[in-house]
Amino acid sequence: MSLPDPDLIRSRQRGRARVMALLLGAFVILVFAISIAKIRAGMPH
């Protein structure tokens, strides 16, 4: 069995890194939005 092409491996790693970056960014935005909503809900009008 021959080793896969290093360029193919790198492109797959880049693809996975992009997906993980997007998921992490979405999680951060979600936590930030929830925090802002909780702060606003706790403030008296």
PDB file of N, CA and C in Angstrom:
ATOM      1  N   MET A   1       0.851  -1.182   0.000  1.00  0.00           N
ATOM      2  CA  MET A   1       0.000   0.000   0.000  1.00  0.00           C
ATOM      3  C   MET A   1       0.891   1.239   0.000  1.00  0.00           C
ATOM      4  N   SER A   2       0.699   2.126  -0.937  1.00  0.00           N
ATOM      5  CA  SER A   2       1.528   3.324  -1.033  1.00  0.00           C
ATOM      6  C   SER A   2       0.967   4.428  -0.142  1.00  0.00           C
ATOM      7  N   LEU A   3       1.876   5.325   0.238  1.00  0.00           N
ATOM      8  CA  LEU A   3       1.454   6.451   1.068  1.00  0.00           C
ATOM      9  C   LEU A   3       0.664   7.447   0.230  1.00  0.00           C
ATOM     10  N   PRO A   4      -0.343   8.084   0.835  1.00  0.00           N
ATOM     11  CA  PRO A   4      -1.109   9.092   0.091  1.00  0.00           C
ATOM     12  C   PRO A   4      -0.233  10.298  -0.236  1.00  0.00           C
ATOM     13  N   ASP A   5      -0.643  11.034  -1.232  1.00  0.00           N
ATOM     14  CA  ASP A   5       0.080  12.224  -1.676  1.00  0.00           C
ATOM     15  C   ASP A   5       0.088  13.276  -0.558  1.00  0.00           C
ATOM     16  N   PRO A   6       1.262  13.830  -0.228  1.00  0.00           N
ATOM     17  CA  PRO A   6       1.319  14.837   0.848  1.00  0.00           C
ATOM     18  C   PRO A   6       0.435  16.063   0.568  1.00  0.00           C
ATOM     19  N   ASP A   7       0.303  16.447  -0.695  1.00  0.00           N
ATOM     20  CA  ASP A   7      -0.564  17.590  -1.017  1.00  0.00           C
ATOM     21  C   ASP A   7      -2.018  17.272  -0.681  1.00  0.00           C
ATOM     22  N   LEU A   8      -2.423  16.038  -0.936  1.00  0.00           N
ATOM     23  CA  LEU A   8      -3.791  15.620  -0.613  1.00  0.00           C
ATOM     24  C   LEU A   8      -4.018  15.667   0.900  1.00  0.00           C
ATOM     25  N   ILE A   9      -3.029  15.198   1.653  1.00  0.00           N
ATOM     26  CA  ILE A   9      -3.139  15.217   3.117  1.00  0.00           C
ATOM     27  C   ILE A   9      -3.253  16.651   3.613  1.00  0.00           C
ATOM     28  N   ARG A  10      -2.401  17.531   3.088  1.00  0.00           N
ATOM     29  CA  ARG A  10      -2.435  18.938   3.508  1.00  0.00           C
ATOM     30  C   ARG A  10      -3.770  19.595   3.174  1.00  0.00           C
ATOM     31  N   SER A  11      -4.306  19.304   1.998  1.00  0.00           N
ATOM     32  CA  SER A  11      -5.587  19.923   1.630  1.00  0.00           C
ATOM     33  C   SER A  11      -6.709  19.422   2.538  1.00  0.00           C
ATOM     34  N   ARG A  12      -6.658  18.154   2.912  1.00  0.00           N
ATOM     35  CA  ARG A  12      -7.678  17.643   3.845  1.00  0.00           C
ATOM     36  C   ARG A  12      -7.531  18.281   5.214  1.00  0.00           C
ATOM     37  N   GLN A  13      -6.274  18.462   5.663  1.00  0.00           N
ATOM     38  CA  GLN A  13      -6.050  19.101   6.957  1.00  0.00           C
ATOM     39  C   GLN A  13      -6.544  20.544   6.939  1.00  0.00           C
ATOM     40  N   ARG A  14      -6.303  21.257   5.838  1.00  0.00           N
ATOM     41  CA  ARG A  14      -6.777  22.637   5.722  1.00  0.00           C
ATOM     42  C   ARG A  14      -8.299  22.680   5.758  1.00  0.00           C
ATOM     43  N   GLY A  15      -8.921  21.732   5.083  1.00  0.00           N
ATOM     44  CA  GLY A  15     -10.386  21.687   5.085  1.00  0.00           C
ATOM     45  C   GLY A  15     -10.937  21.455   6.479  1.00  0.00           C
ATOM     46  N   ARG A  16     -10.314  20.522   7.205  1.00  0.00           N
ATOM     47  CA  ARG A  16     -10.758  20.255   8.578  1.00  0.00           C
ATOM     48  C   ARG A  16     -10.509  21.464   9.477  1.00  0.00           C
ATOM     49  N   ALA A  17      -9.387  22.127   9.272  1.00  0.00           N
ATOM     50  CA  ALA A  17      -9.064  23.301  10.091  1.00  0.00           C
ATOM     51  C   ALA A  17     -10.087  24.409   9.855  1.00  0.00           C
ATOM     52  N   ARG A  18     -10.502  24.594   8.616  1.00  0.00           N
ATOM     53  CA  ARG A  18     -11.508  25.615   8.320  1.00  0.00           C
ATOM     54  C   ARG A  18     -12.835  25.284   8.989  1.00  0.00           C
ATOM     55  N   VAL A  19     -13.244  24.033   8.926  1.00  0.00           N
ATOM     56  CA  VAL A  19     -14.505  23.622   9.552  1.00  0.00           C
ATOM     57  C   VAL A  19     -14.430  23.840  11.062  1.00  0.00           C
ATOM     58  N   MET A  20     -13.319  23.460  11.677  1.00  0.00           N
ATOM     59  CA  MET A  20     -13.176  23.641  13.117  1.00  0.00           C
ATOM     60  C   MET A  20     -13.162  25.127  13.481  1.00  0.00           C
ATOM     61  N   ALA A  21     -12.521  25.955  12.662  1.00  0.00           N
ATOM     62  CA  ALA A  21     -12.497  27.397  12.919  1.00  0.00           C
ATOM     63  C   ALA A  21     -13.906  27.978  12.835  1.00  0.00           C
ATOM     64  N   LEU A  22     -14.674  27.552  11.847  1.00  0.00           N
ATOM     65  CA  LEU A  22     -16.051  28.035  11.715  1.00  0.00           C
ATOM     66  C   LEU A  22     -16.907  27.598  12.906  1.00  0.00           C
ATOM     67  N   LEU A  23     -16.753  26.345  13.319  1.00  0.00           N
ATOM     68  CA  LEU A  23     -17.527  25.861  14.461  1.00  0.00           C
ATOM     69  C   LEU A  23     -17.148  26.605  15.739  1.00  0.00           C
ATOM     70  N   LEU A  24     -15.852  26.829  15.934  1.00  0.00           N
ATOM     71  CA  LEU A  24     -15.410  27.546  17.123  1.00  0.00           C
ATOM     72  C   LEU A  24     -15.916  28.987  17.105  1.00  0.00           C
ATOM     73  N   GLY A  25     -15.832  29.624  15.947  1.00  0.00           N
ATOM     74  CA  GLY A  25     -16.335  30.994  15.829  1.00  0.00           C
ATOM     75  C   GLY A  25     -17.825  31.072  16.095  1.00  0.00           C
ATOM     76  N   ALA A  26     -18.583  30.106  15.575  1.00  0.00           N
ATOM     77  CA  ALA A  26     -20.030  30.090  15.803  1.00  0.00           C
ATOM     78  C   ALA A  26     -20.337  29.883  17.288  1.00  0.00           C
ATOM     79  N   PHE A  27     -19.560  29.043  17.950  1.00  0.00           N
ATOM     80  CA  PHE A  27     -19.759  28.804  19.377  1.00  0.00           C
ATOM     81  C   PHE A  27     -19.489  30.072  20.188  1.00  0.00           C
ATOM     82  N   VAL A  28     -18.406  30.776  19.848  1.00  0.00           N
ATOM     83  CA  VAL A  28     -18.066  32.009  20.552  1.00  0.00           C
ATOM     84  C   VAL A  28     -19.168  33.046  20.370  1.00  0.00           C
ATOM     85  N   ILE A  29     -19.657  33.189  19.142  1.00  0.00           N
ATOM     86  CA  ILE A  29     -20.733  34.151  18.879  1.00  0.00           C
ATOM     87  C   ILE A  29     -21.994  33.765  19.644  1.00  0.00           C
ATOM     88  N   LEU A  30     -22.302  32.480  19.691  1.00  0.00           N
ATOM     89  CA  LEU A  30     -23.478  32.013  20.424  1.00  0.00           C
ATOM     90  C   LEU A  30     -23.367  32.328  21.911  1.00  0.00           C
ATOM     91  N   VAL A  31     -22.219  32.038  22.502  1.00  0.00           N
ATOM     92  CA  VAL A  31     -22.020  32.320  23.934  1.00  0.00           C
ATOM     93  C   VAL A  31     -22.113  33.822  24.192  1.00  0.00           C
ATOM     94  N   PHE A  32     -21.511  34.618  23.301  1.00  0.00           N
ATOM     95  CA  PHE A  32     -21.574  36.078  23.449  1.00  0.00           C
ATOM     96  C   PHE A  32     -23.015  36.569  23.384  1.00  0.00           C
ATOM     97  N   ALA A  33     -23.786  36.072  22.420  1.00  0.00           N
ATOM     98  CA  ALA A  33     -25.177  36.500  22.271  1.00  0.00           C
ATOM     99  C   ALA A  33     -26.014  36.101  23.485  1.00  0.00           C
ATOM    100  N   ILE A  34     -25.788  34.908  23.995  1.00  0.00           N
ATOM    101  CA  ILE A  34     -26.530  34.464  25.179  1.00  0.00           C
ATOM    102  C   ILE A  34     -26.169  35.342  26.379  1.00  0.00           C
ATOM    103  N   SER A  35     -24.879  35.665  26.512  1.00  0.00           N
ATOM    104  CA  SER A  35     -24.449  36.516  27.629  1.00  0.00           C
ATOM    105  C   SER A  35     -25.097  37.890  27.546  1.00  0.00           C
ATOM    106  N   ILE A  36     -25.104  38.480  26.363  1.00  0.00           N
ATOM    107  CA  ILE A  36     -25.728  39.794  26.183  1.00  0.00           C
ATOM    108  C   ILE A  36     -27.225  39.718  26.508  1.00  0.00           C
ATOM    109  N   ALA A  37     -27.887  38.661  26.052  1.00  0.00           N
ATOM    110  CA  ALA A  37     -29.323  38.515  26.321  1.00  0.00           C
ATOM    111  C   ALA A  37     -29.586  38.379  27.822  1.00  0.00           C
ATOM    112  N   LYS A  38     -28.735  37.633  28.534  1.00  0.00           N
ATOM    113  CA  LYS A  38     -28.927  37.473  29.975  1.00  0.00           C
ATOM    114  C   LYS A  38     -28.676  38.782  30.711  1.00  0.00           C
ATOM    115  N   ILE A  39     -27.672  39.537  30.269  1.00  0.00           N
ATOM    116  CA  ILE A  39     -27.387  40.815  30.910  1.00  0.00           C
ATOM    117  C   ILE A  39     -28.554  41.773  30.719  1.00  0.00           C
ATOM    118  N   ARG A  40     -29.070  41.836  29.494  1.00  0.00           N
ATOM    119  CA  ARG A  40     -30.192  42.735  29.210  1.00  0.00           C
ATOM    120  C   ARG A  40     -31.446  42.309  29.973  1.00  0.00           C
ATOM    121  N   ALA A  41     -31.678  41.004  30.091  1.00  0.00           N
ATOM    122  CA  ALA A  41     -32.861  40.527  30.799  1.00  0.00           C
ATOM    123  C   ALA A  41     -32.769  40.836  32.298  1.00  0.00           C
ATOM    124  N   GLY A  42     -31.569  40.894  32.826  1.00  0.00           N
ATOM    125  CA  GLY A  42     -31.378  41.146  34.256  1.00  0.00           C
ATOM    126  C   GLY A  42     -31.455  42.612  34.623  1.00  0.00           C
ATOM    127  N   MET A  43     -31.384  43.496  33.657  1.00  0.00           N
ATOM    128  CA  MET A  43     -31.403  44.935  33.945  1.00  0.00           C
ATOM    129  C   MET A  43     -32.833  45.423  34.129  1.00  0.00           C
ATOM    130  N   PRO A  44     -33.070  46.217  35.159  1.00  0.00           N
ATOM    131  CA  PRO A  44     -34.415  46.796  35.306  1.00  0.00           C
ATOM    132  C   PRO A  44     -34.646  47.878  34.271  1.00  0.00           C
ATOM    133  N   HIS A  45     -35.863  47.974  33.787  1.00  0.00           N
ATOM    134  CA  HIS A  45     -36.172  48.960  32.736  1.00  0.00           C
ATOM    135  C   HIS A  45     -36.573  50.257  33.354  1.00  0.00           C
TER     136      HIS A  45
END
